[in-house]
Amino acid sequence: MATGTNAKIKELKGIKPERITEEELKKVQGAVNTMNRAQLEIGSMELKKHEMMHQLAAVKEDLSGLQAELQKEYGTIDVNIQDGTINYSENGEADKKD
């Protein structure tokens, strides 16, 4: 905006400014650029999230297949994933579902 006497004269004559100041323009441009970068980054994160969700679904499907194999082979899927120990039921036997 214009400053000083010149601004007061324009104000009294009803003349409205045609442009914002360079400082104001730079602030507005900076804010808009920051917002645009943030939105782009959010979009990138959402795409990565979507891809990871598909990967997770595939891993879950693979795990279900492995569990079915373990159930068939050992009668249980209760296995210690640290050392591979099979955790049989209280009676010491696998839960056979034949």
PDB file of N, CA and C in Angstrom:
ATOM      1  N   MET A   1       0.843  -1.175   0.000  1.00  0.00           N
ATOM      2  CA  MET A   1       0.000   0.000   0.000  1.00  0.00           C
ATOM      3  C   MET A   1       0.886   1.234   0.000  1.00  0.00           C
ATOM      4  N   ALA A   2       0.380   2.301  -0.538  1.00  0.00           N
ATOM      5  CA  ALA A   2       1.139   3.552  -0.560  1.00  0.00           C
ATOM      6  C   ALA A   2       1.208   4.120   0.849  1.00  0.00           C
ATOM      7  N   THR A   3       2.290   4.856   1.127  1.00  0.00           N
ATOM      8  CA  THR A   3       2.470   5.407   2.470  1.00  0.00           C
ATOM      9  C   THR A   3       2.624   6.912   2.402  1.00  0.00           C
ATOM     10  N   GLY A   4       2.428   7.548   3.538  1.00  0.00           N
ATOM     11  CA  GLY A   4       2.689   8.979   3.653  1.00  0.00           C
ATOM     12  C   GLY A   4       1.615   9.849   3.027  1.00  0.00           C
ATOM     13  N   THR A   5       2.048  11.091   2.637  1.00  0.00           N
ATOM     14  CA  THR A   5       1.136  12.100   2.103  1.00  0.00           C
ATOM     15  C   THR A   5       0.459  11.637   0.825  1.00  0.00           C
ATOM     16  N   ASN A   6       1.226  11.012  -0.044  1.00  0.00           N
ATOM     17  CA  ASN A   6       0.684  10.530  -1.317  1.00  0.00           C
ATOM     18  C   ASN A   6      -0.488   9.583  -1.082  1.00  0.00           C
ATOM     19  N   ALA A   7      -0.355   8.697  -0.094  1.00  0.00           N
ATOM     20  CA  ALA A   7      -1.425   7.754   0.228  1.00  0.00           C
ATOM     21  C   ALA A   7      -2.656   8.479   0.746  1.00  0.00           C
ATOM     22  N   LYS A   8      -2.438   9.480   1.577  1.00  0.00           N
ATOM     23  CA  LYS A   8      -3.563  10.229   2.154  1.00  0.00           C
ATOM     24  C   LYS A   8      -4.331  10.961   1.055  1.00  0.00           C
ATOM     25  N   ILE A   9      -3.600  11.549   0.106  1.00  0.00           N
ATOM     26  CA  ILE A   9      -4.249  12.253  -1.012  1.00  0.00           C
ATOM     27  C   ILE A   9      -5.088  11.278  -1.822  1.00  0.00           C
ATOM     28  N   LYS A  10      -4.518  10.106  -2.136  1.00  0.00           N
ATOM     29  CA  LYS A  10      -5.248   9.097  -2.911  1.00  0.00           C
ATOM     30  C   LYS A  10      -6.487   8.622  -2.153  1.00  0.00           C
ATOM     31  N   GLU A  11      -6.332   8.465  -0.838  1.00  0.00           N
ATOM     32  CA  GLU A  11      -7.453   8.025  -0.007  1.00  0.00           C
ATOM     33  C   GLU A  11      -8.577   9.059  -0.035  1.00  0.00           C
ATOM     34  N   LEU A  12      -8.229  10.331   0.079  1.00  0.00           N
ATOM     35  CA  LEU A  12      -9.236  11.395   0.074  1.00  0.00           C
ATOM     36  C   LEU A  12      -9.932  11.509  -1.276  1.00  0.00           C
ATOM     37  N   LYS A  13      -9.218  11.230  -2.351  1.00  0.00           N
ATOM     38  CA  LYS A  13      -9.803  11.300  -3.700  1.00  0.00           C
ATOM     39  C   LYS A  13     -10.581  10.028  -4.047  1.00  0.00           C
ATOM     40  N   GLY A  14     -10.489   9.008  -3.182  1.00  0.00           N
ATOM     41  CA  GLY A  14     -11.214   7.764  -3.448  1.00  0.00           C
ATOM     42  C   GLY A  14     -10.481   6.855  -4.415  1.00  0.00           C
ATOM     43  N   ILE A  15      -9.204   7.085  -4.604  1.00  0.00           N
ATOM     44  CA  ILE A  15      -8.411   6.243  -5.503  1.00  0.00           C
ATOM     45  C   ILE A  15      -7.959   5.003  -4.724  1.00  0.00           C
ATOM     46  N   LYS A  16      -8.256   3.856  -5.263  1.00  0.00           N
ATOM     47  CA  LYS A  16      -7.887   2.606  -4.610  1.00  0.00           C
ATOM     48  C   LYS A  16      -6.577   2.098  -5.205  1.00  0.00           C
ATOM     49  N   PRO A  17      -5.740   1.495  -4.383  1.00  0.00           N
ATOM     50  CA  PRO A  17      -4.475   0.941  -4.886  1.00  0.00           C
ATOM     51  C   PRO A  17      -4.750  -0.147  -5.918  1.00  0.00           C
ATOM     52  N   GLU A  18      -3.857  -0.256  -6.903  1.00  0.00           N
ATOM     53  CA  GLU A  18      -4.016  -1.257  -7.956  1.00  0.00           C
ATOM     54  C   GLU A  18      -3.268  -2.543  -7.639  1.00  0.00           C
ATOM     55  N   ARG A  19      -2.267  -2.462  -6.773  1.00  0.00           N
ATOM     56  CA  ARG A  19      -1.441  -3.621  -6.456  1.00  0.00           C
ATOM     57  C   ARG A  19      -1.082  -3.614  -4.976  1.00  0.00           C
ATOM     58  N   ILE A  20      -0.751  -4.797  -4.487  1.00  0.00           N
ATOM     59  CA  ILE A  20      -0.219  -4.862  -3.131  1.00  0.00           C
ATOM     60  C   ILE A  20       1.278  -4.565  -3.207  1.00  0.00           C
ATOM     61  N   THR A  21       1.892  -4.331  -2.069  1.00  0.00           N
ATOM     62  CA  THR A  21       3.322  -4.010  -2.062  1.00  0.00           C
ATOM     63  C   THR A  21       4.129  -5.259  -2.398  1.00  0.00           C
ATOM     64  N   GLU A  22       5.376  -5.060  -2.784  1.00  0.00           N
ATOM     65  CA  GLU A  22       6.267  -6.182  -3.090  1.00  0.00           C
ATOM     66  C   GLU A  22       6.445  -7.077  -1.865  1.00  0.00           C
ATOM     67  N   GLU A  23       6.550  -6.470  -0.699  1.00  0.00           N
ATOM     68  CA  GLU A  23       6.708  -7.232   0.539  1.00  0.00           C
ATOM     69  C   GLU A  23       5.490  -8.107   0.794  1.00  0.00           C
ATOM     70  N   GLU A  24       4.298  -7.544   0.615  1.00  0.00           N
ATOM     71  CA  GLU A  24       3.065  -8.318   0.799  1.00  0.00           C
ATOM     72  C   GLU A  24       2.968  -9.430  -0.237  1.00  0.00           C
ATOM     73  N   LEU A  25       3.347  -9.117  -1.478  1.00  0.00           N
ATOM     74  CA  LEU A  25       3.310 -10.106  -2.560  1.00  0.00           C
ATOM     75  C   LEU A  25       4.237 -11.274  -2.230  1.00  0.00           C
ATOM     76  N   LYS A  26       5.439 -10.977  -1.746  1.00  0.00           N
ATOM     77  CA  LYS A  26       6.391 -12.038  -1.410  1.00  0.00           C
ATOM     78  C   LYS A  26       5.858 -12.907  -0.270  1.00  0.00           C
ATOM     79  N   LYS A  27       5.207 -12.287   0.708  1.00  0.00           N
ATOM     80  CA  LYS A  27       4.625 -13.052   1.814  1.00  0.00           C
ATOM     81  C   LYS A  27       3.523 -13.987   1.314  1.00  0.00           C
ATOM     82  N   VAL A  28       2.646 -13.450   0.459  1.00  0.00           N
ATOM     83  CA  VAL A  28       1.548 -14.260  -0.079  1.00  0.00           C
ATOM     84  C   VAL A  28       2.107 -15.395  -0.930  1.00  0.00           C
ATOM     85  N   GLN A  29       3.070 -15.083  -1.796  1.00  0.00           N
ATOM     86  CA  GLN A  29       3.676 -16.110  -2.640  1.00  0.00           C
ATOM     87  C   GLN A  29       4.364 -17.182  -1.801  1.00  0.00           C
ATOM     88  N   GLY A  30       5.049 -16.758  -0.749  1.00  0.00           N
ATOM     89  CA  GLY A  30       5.719 -17.717   0.132  1.00  0.00           C
ATOM     90  C   GLY A  30       4.727 -18.639   0.810  1.00  0.00           C
ATOM     91  N   ALA A  31       3.633 -18.083   1.295  1.00  0.00           N
ATOM     92  CA  ALA A  31       2.611 -18.902   1.955  1.00  0.00           C
ATOM     93  C   ALA A  31       1.986 -19.897   0.975  1.00  0.00           C
ATOM     94  N   VAL A  32       1.673 -19.431  -0.231  1.00  0.00           N
ATOM     95  CA  VAL A  32       1.068 -20.313  -1.239  1.00  0.00           C
ATOM     96  C   VAL A  32       2.054 -21.406  -1.644  1.00  0.00           C
ATOM     97  N   ASN A  33       3.315 -21.062  -1.831  1.00  0.00           N
ATOM     98  CA  ASN A  33       4.329 -22.064  -2.195  1.00  0.00           C
ATOM     99  C   ASN A  33       4.499 -23.103  -1.096  1.00  0.00           C
ATOM    100  N   THR A  34       4.516 -22.653   0.149  1.00  0.00           N
ATOM    101  CA  THR A  34       4.643 -23.582   1.271  1.00  0.00           C
ATOM    102  C   THR A  34       3.450 -24.524   1.324  1.00  0.00           C
ATOM    103  N   MET A  35       2.265 -23.993   1.118  1.00  0.00           N
ATOM    104  CA  MET A  35       1.058 -24.814   1.118  1.00  0.00           C
ATOM    105  C   MET A  35       1.098 -25.826  -0.034  1.00  0.00           C
ATOM    106  N   ASN A  36       1.514 -25.401  -1.213  1.00  0.00           N
ATOM    107  CA  ASN A  36       1.590 -26.303  -2.367  1.00  0.00           C
ATOM    108  C   ASN A  36       2.593 -27.429  -2.123  1.00  0.00           C
ATOM    109  N   ARG A  37       3.750 -27.098  -1.540  1.00  0.00           N
ATOM    110  CA  ARG A  37       4.753 -28.126  -1.240  1.00  0.00           C
ATOM    111  C   ARG A  37       4.201 -29.129  -0.228  1.00  0.00           C
ATOM    112  N   ALA A  38       3.502 -28.622   0.781  1.00  0.00           N
ATOM    113  CA  ALA A  38       2.922 -29.511   1.797  1.00  0.00           C
ATOM    114  C   ALA A  38       1.898 -30.449   1.177  1.00  0.00           C
ATOM    115  N   GLN A  39       1.056 -29.924   0.297  1.00  0.00           N
ATOM    116  CA  GLN A  39       0.043 -30.765  -0.358  1.00  0.00           C
ATOM    117  C   GLN A  39       0.703 -31.813  -1.252  1.00  0.00           C
ATOM    118  N   LEU A  40       1.761 -31.453  -1.936  1.00  0.00           N
ATOM    119  CA  LEU A  40       2.484 -32.398  -2.780  1.00  0.00           C
ATOM    120  C   LEU A  40       3.094 -33.503  -1.924  1.00  0.00           C
ATOM    121  N   GLU A  41       3.682 -33.119  -0.805  1.00  0.00           N
ATOM    122  CA  GLU A  41       4.285 -34.089   0.103  1.00  0.00           C
ATOM    123  C   GLU A  41       3.228 -35.023   0.686  1.00  0.00           C
ATOM    124  N   ILE A  42       2.074 -34.490   1.048  1.00  0.00           N
ATOM    125  CA  ILE A  42       0.982 -35.319   1.569  1.00  0.00           C
ATOM    126  C   ILE A  42       0.538 -36.321   0.501  1.00  0.00           C
ATOM    127  N   GLY A  43       0.417 -35.873  -0.736  1.00  0.00           N
ATOM    128  CA  GLY A  43       0.046 -36.777  -1.825  1.00  0.00           C
ATOM    129  C   GLY A  43       1.054 -37.897  -1.995  1.00  0.00           C
ATOM    130  N   SER A  44       2.323 -37.552  -1.894  1.00  0.00           N
ATOM    131  CA  SER A  44       3.385 -38.546  -2.007  1.00  0.00           C
ATOM    132  C   SER A  44       3.311 -39.561  -0.875  1.00  0.00           C
ATOM    133  N   MET A  45       3.037 -39.075   0.335  1.00  0.00           N
ATOM    134  CA  MET A  45       2.907 -39.967   1.485  1.00  0.00           C
ATOM    135  C   MET A  45       1.692 -40.884   1.343  1.00  0.00           C
ATOM    136  N   GLU A  46       0.602 -40.344   0.837  1.00  0.00           N
ATOM    137  CA  GLU A  46      -0.608 -41.152   0.661  1.00  0.00           C
ATOM    138  C   GLU A  46      -0.371 -42.252  -0.371  1.00  0.00           C
ATOM    139  N   LEU A  47       0.368 -41.942  -1.437  1.00  0.00           N
ATOM    140  CA  LEU A  47       0.683 -42.948  -2.447  1.00  0.00           C
ATOM    141  C   LEU A  47       1.539 -44.046  -1.831  1.00  0.00           C
ATOM    142  N   LYS A  48       2.538 -43.656  -1.053  1.00  0.00           N
ATOM    143  CA  LYS A  48       3.402 -44.637  -0.388  1.00  0.00           C
ATOM    144  C   LYS A  48       2.574 -45.491   0.582  1.00  0.00           C
ATOM    145  N   LYS A  49       1.664 -44.860   1.315  1.00  0.00           N
ATOM    146  CA  LYS A  49       0.788 -45.589   2.238  1.00  0.00           C
ATOM    147  C   LYS A  49      -0.042 -46.621   1.482  1.00  0.00           C
ATOM    148  N   HIS A  50      -0.594 -46.219   0.348  1.00  0.00           N
ATOM    149  CA  HIS A  50      -1.420 -47.117  -0.464  1.00  0.00           C
ATOM    150  C   HIS A  50      -0.600 -48.330  -0.922  1.00  0.00           C
ATOM    151  N   GLU A  51       0.622 -48.075  -1.383  1.00  0.00           N
ATOM    152  CA  GLU A  51       1.492 -49.159  -1.833  1.00  0.00           C
ATOM    153  C   GLU A  51       1.835 -50.097  -0.677  1.00  0.00           C
ATOM    154  N   MET A  52       2.100 -49.523   0.486  1.00  0.00           N
ATOM    155  CA  MET A  52       2.444 -50.337   1.648  1.00  0.00           C
ATOM    156  C   MET A  52       1.259 -51.176   2.114  1.00  0.00           C
ATOM    157  N   MET A  53       0.045 -50.640   1.985  1.00  0.00           N
ATOM    158  CA  MET A  53      -1.145 -51.401   2.359  1.00  0.00           C
ATOM    159  C   MET A  53      -1.285 -52.632   1.458  1.00  0.00           C
ATOM    160  N   HIS A  54      -0.973 -52.482   0.173  1.00  0.00           N
ATOM    161  CA  HIS A  54      -1.013 -53.631  -0.741  1.00  0.00           C
ATOM    162  C   HIS A  54       0.050 -54.660  -0.362  1.00  0.00           C
ATOM    163  N   GLN A  55       1.245 -54.185  -0.015  1.00  0.00           N
ATOM    164  CA  GLN A  55       2.306 -55.101   0.409  1.00  0.00           C
ATOM    165  C   GLN A  55       1.903 -55.846   1.672  1.00  0.00           C
ATOM    166  N   LEU A  56       1.313 -55.141   2.612  1.00  0.00           N
ATOM    167  CA  LEU A  56       0.871 -55.756   3.863  1.00  0.00           C
ATOM    168  C   LEU A  56      -0.181 -56.833   3.600  1.00  0.00           C
ATOM    169  N   ALA A  57      -1.104 -56.559   2.701  1.00  0.00           N
ATOM    170  CA  ALA A  57      -2.138 -57.542   2.374  1.00  0.00           C
ATOM    171  C   ALA A  57      -1.500 -58.804   1.776  1.00  0.00           C
ATOM    172  N   ALA A  58      -0.487 -58.628   0.935  1.00  0.00           N
ATOM    173  CA  ALA A  58       0.192 -59.779   0.326  1.00  0.00           C
ATOM    174  C   ALA A  58       0.933 -60.591   1.392  1.00  0.00           C
ATOM    175  N   VAL A  59       1.578 -59.922   2.331  1.00  0.00           N
ATOM    176  CA  VAL A  59       2.297 -60.622   3.399  1.00  0.00           C
ATOM    177  C   VAL A  59       1.312 -61.376   4.291  1.00  0.00           C
ATOM    178  N   LYS A  60       0.174 -60.774   4.596  1.00  0.00           N
ATOM    179  CA  LYS A  60      -0.846 -61.457   5.400  1.00  0.00           C
ATOM    180  C   LYS A  60      -1.337 -62.715   4.705  1.00  0.00           C
ATOM    181  N   GLU A  61      -1.510 -62.624   3.393  1.00  0.00           N
ATOM    182  CA  GLU A  61      -1.955 -63.778   2.624  1.00  0.00           C
ATOM    183  C   GLU A  61      -0.905 -64.885   2.667  1.00  0.00           C
ATOM    184  N   ASP A  62       0.377 -64.504   2.529  1.00  0.00           N
ATOM    185  CA  ASP A  62       1.460 -65.481   2.611  1.00  0.00           C
ATOM    186  C   ASP A  62       1.496 -66.132   3.992  1.00  0.00           C
ATOM    187  N   LEU A  63       1.329 -65.337   5.046  1.00  0.00           N
ATOM    188  CA  LEU A  63       1.337 -65.873   6.406  1.00  0.00           C
ATOM    189  C   LEU A  63       0.185 -66.858   6.614  1.00  0.00           C
ATOM    190  N   SER A  64      -0.970 -66.552   6.070  1.00  0.00           N
ATOM    191  CA  SER A  64      -2.108 -67.477   6.185  1.00  0.00           C
ATOM    192  C   SER A  64      -1.778 -68.817   5.537  1.00  0.00           C
ATOM    193  N   GLY A  65      -1.111 -68.770   4.402  1.00  0.00           N
ATOM    194  CA  GLY A  65      -0.699 -70.004   3.733  1.00  0.00           C
ATOM    195  C   GLY A  65       0.299 -70.792   4.569  1.00  0.00           C
ATOM    196  N   LEU A  66       1.265 -70.087   5.153  1.00  0.00           N
ATOM    197  CA  LEU A  66       2.240 -70.752   6.025  1.00  0.00           C
ATOM    198  C   LEU A  66       1.563 -71.368   7.246  1.00  0.00           C
ATOM    199  N   GLN A  67       0.612 -70.643   7.824  1.00  0.00           N
ATOM    200  CA  GLN A  67      -0.110 -71.165   8.981  1.00  0.00           C
ATOM    201  C   GLN A  67      -0.893 -72.424   8.615  1.00  0.00           C
ATOM    202  N   ALA A  68      -1.467 -72.437   7.436  1.00  0.00           N
ATOM    203  CA  ALA A  68      -2.211 -73.631   6.995  1.00  0.00           C
ATOM    204  C   ALA A  68      -1.257 -74.816   6.855  1.00  0.00           C
ATOM    205  N   GLU A  69      -0.056 -74.569   6.334  1.00  0.00           N
ATOM    206  CA  GLU A  69       0.935 -75.641   6.204  1.00  0.00           C
ATOM    207  C   GLU A  69       1.371 -76.151   7.572  1.00  0.00           C
ATOM    208  N   LEU A  70       1.611 -75.225   8.519  1.00  0.00           N
ATOM    209  CA  LEU A  70       2.016 -75.618   9.872  1.00  0.00           C
ATOM    210  C   LEU A  70       0.907 -76.407  10.558  1.00  0.00           C
ATOM    211  N   GLN A  71      -0.317 -75.973  10.398  1.00  0.00           N
ATOM    212  CA  GLN A  71      -1.464 -76.675  10.993  1.00  0.00           C
ATOM    213  C   GLN A  71      -1.538 -78.098  10.453  1.00  0.00           C
ATOM    214  N   LYS A  72      -1.350 -78.253   9.163  1.00  0.00           N
ATOM    215  CA  LYS A  72      -1.427 -79.571   8.541  1.00  0.00           C
ATOM    216  C   LYS A  72      -0.262 -80.451   9.001  1.00  0.00           C
ATOM    217  N   GLU A  73       0.927 -79.894   9.058  1.00  0.00           N
ATOM    218  CA  GLU A  73       2.129 -80.654   9.412  1.00  0.00           C
ATOM    219  C   GLU A  73       2.232 -80.967  10.907  1.00  0.00           C
ATOM    220  N   TYR A  74       1.946 -79.994  11.751  1.00  0.00           N
ATOM    221  CA  TYR A  74       2.184 -80.150  13.189  1.00  0.00           C
ATOM    222  C   TYR A  74       0.915 -80.135  14.040  1.00  0.00           C
ATOM    223  N   GLY A  75      -0.210 -79.852  13.446  1.00  0.00           N
ATOM    224  CA  GLY A  75      -1.463 -79.858  14.175  1.00  0.00           C
ATOM    225  C   GLY A  75      -1.714 -78.577  14.961  1.00  0.00           C
ATOM    226  N   THR A  76      -0.850 -77.614  14.819  1.00  0.00           N
ATOM    227  CA  THR A  76      -1.001 -76.334  15.505  1.00  0.00           C
ATOM    228  C   THR A  76      -0.247 -75.247  14.741  1.00  0.00           C
ATOM    229  N   ILE A  77      -0.661 -74.034  14.984  1.00  0.00           N
ATOM    230  CA  ILE A  77       0.089 -72.902  14.415  1.00  0.00           C
ATOM    231  C   ILE A  77       0.723 -72.090  15.535  1.00  0.00           C
ATOM    232  N   ASP A  78       0.648 -72.614  16.764  1.00  0.00           N
ATOM    233  CA  ASP A  78       1.195 -71.928  17.936  1.00  0.00           C
ATOM    234  C   ASP A  78       2.689 -72.228  18.019  1.00  0.00           C
ATOM    235  N   VAL A  79       3.473 -71.346  17.423  1.00  0.00           N
ATOM    236  CA  VAL A  79       4.922 -71.538  17.344  1.00  0.00           C
ATOM    237  C   VAL A  79       5.612 -70.279  17.853  1.00  0.00           C
ATOM    238  N   ASN A  80       6.663 -70.463  18.642  1.00  0.00           N
ATOM    239  CA  ASN A  80       7.476 -69.339  19.104  1.00  0.00           C
ATOM    240  C   ASN A  80       8.272 -68.821  17.905  1.00  0.00           C
ATOM    241  N   ILE A  81       8.029 -67.589  17.519  1.00  0.00           N
ATOM    242  CA  ILE A  81       8.698 -67.076  16.315  1.00  0.00           C
ATOM    243  C   ILE A  81      10.155 -66.688  16.572  1.00  0.00           C
ATOM    244  N   GLN A  82      10.594 -66.757  17.835  1.00  0.00           N
ATOM    245  CA  GLN A  82      11.992 -66.455  18.149  1.00  0.00           C
ATOM    246  C   GLN A  82      12.889 -67.679  17.914  1.00  0.00           C
ATOM    247  N   ASP A  83      12.410 -68.847  18.352  1.00  0.00           N
ATOM    248  CA  ASP A  83      13.282 -70.030  18.266  1.00  0.00           C
ATOM    249  C   ASP A  83      12.635 -71.219  17.549  1.00  0.00           C
ATOM    250  N   GLY A  84      11.380 -71.094  17.123  1.00  0.00           N
ATOM    251  CA  GLY A  84      10.723 -72.170  16.374  1.00  0.00           C
ATOM    252  C   GLY A  84      10.094 -73.252  17.228  1.00  0.00           C
ATOM    253  N   THR A  85      10.090 -73.090  18.542  1.00  0.00           N
ATOM    254  CA  THR A  85       9.496 -74.081  19.436  1.00  0.00           C
ATOM    255  C   THR A  85       7.990 -74.155  19.201  1.00  0.00           C
ATOM    256  N   ILE A  86       7.521 -75.392  19.068  1.00  0.00           N
ATOM    257  CA  ILE A  86       6.085 -75.602  18.897  1.00  0.00           C
ATOM    258  C   ILE A  86       5.450 -75.612  20.276  1.00  0.00           C
ATOM    259  N   ASN A  87       4.443 -74.832  20.468  1.00  0.00           N
ATOM    260  CA  ASN A  87       3.720 -74.761  21.743  1.00  0.00           C
ATOM    261  C   ASN A  87       2.460 -75.626  21.632  1.00  0.00           C
ATOM    262  N   TYR A  88       2.600 -76.880  22.116  1.00  0.00           N
ATOM    263  CA  TYR A  88       1.459 -77.781  22.073  1.00  0.00           C
ATOM    264  C   TYR A  88       0.489 -77.447  23.196  1.00  0.00           C
ATOM    265  N   SER A  89      -0.711 -77.950  23.106  1.00  0.00           N
ATOM    266  CA  SER A  89      -1.735 -77.690  24.119  1.00  0.00           C
ATOM    267  C   SER A  89      -1.342 -78.328  25.449  1.00  0.00           C
ATOM    268  N   GLU A  90      -2.126 -78.105  26.496  1.00  0.00           N
ATOM    269  CA  GLU A  90      -1.877 -78.595  27.861  1.00  0.00           C
ATOM    270  C   GLU A  90      -1.604 -80.104  27.919  1.00  0.00           C
ATOM    271  N   ASN A  91      -2.277 -80.887  27.056  1.00  0.00           N
ATOM    272  CA  ASN A  91      -2.117 -82.342  27.107  1.00  0.00           C
ATOM    273  C   ASN A  91      -0.893 -82.829  26.339  1.00  0.00           C
ATOM    274  N   GLY A  92      -0.112 -81.884  25.790  1.00  0.00           N
ATOM    275  CA  GLY A  92       1.137 -82.247  25.130  1.00  0.00           C
ATOM    276  C   GLY A  92       0.980 -82.690  23.682  1.00  0.00           C
ATOM    277  N   GLU A  93      -0.216 -82.607  23.188  1.00  0.00           N
ATOM    278  CA  GLU A  93      -0.430 -83.029  21.808  1.00  0.00           C
ATOM    279  C   GLU A  93      -0.929 -81.856  20.972  1.00  0.00           C
ATOM    280  N   ALA A  94      -0.696 -82.002  19.704  1.00  0.00           N
ATOM    281  CA  ALA A  94      -1.193 -80.978  18.779  1.00  0.00           C
ATOM    282  C   ALA A  94      -2.694 -81.106  18.629  1.00  0.00           C
ATOM    283  N   ASP A  95      -3.313 -80.051  18.286  1.00  0.00           N
ATOM    284  CA  ASP A  95      -4.753 -80.056  18.036  1.00  0.00           C
ATOM    285  C   ASP A  95      -5.000 -80.539  16.616  1.00  0.00           C
ATOM    286  N   LYS A  96      -5.135 -81.838  16.482  1.00  0.00           N
ATOM    287  CA  LYS A  96      -5.353 -82.414  15.149  1.00  0.00           C
ATOM    288  C   LYS A  96      -6.781 -82.175  14.708  1.00  0.00           C
ATOM    289  N   LYS A  97      -6.938 -81.748  13.477  1.00  0.00           N
ATOM    290  CA  LYS A  97      -8.270 -81.499  12.933  1.00  0.00           C
ATOM    291  C   LYS A  97      -8.476 -82.356  11.693  1.00  0.00           C
ATOM    292  N   ASP A  98      -8.324 -83.660  11.869  1.00  0.00           N
ATOM    293  CA  ASP A  98      -8.471 -84.579  10.737  1.00  0.00           C
ATOM    294  C   ASP A  98      -9.881 -85.005  10.564  1.00  0.00           C
TER     295      ASP A  98
END
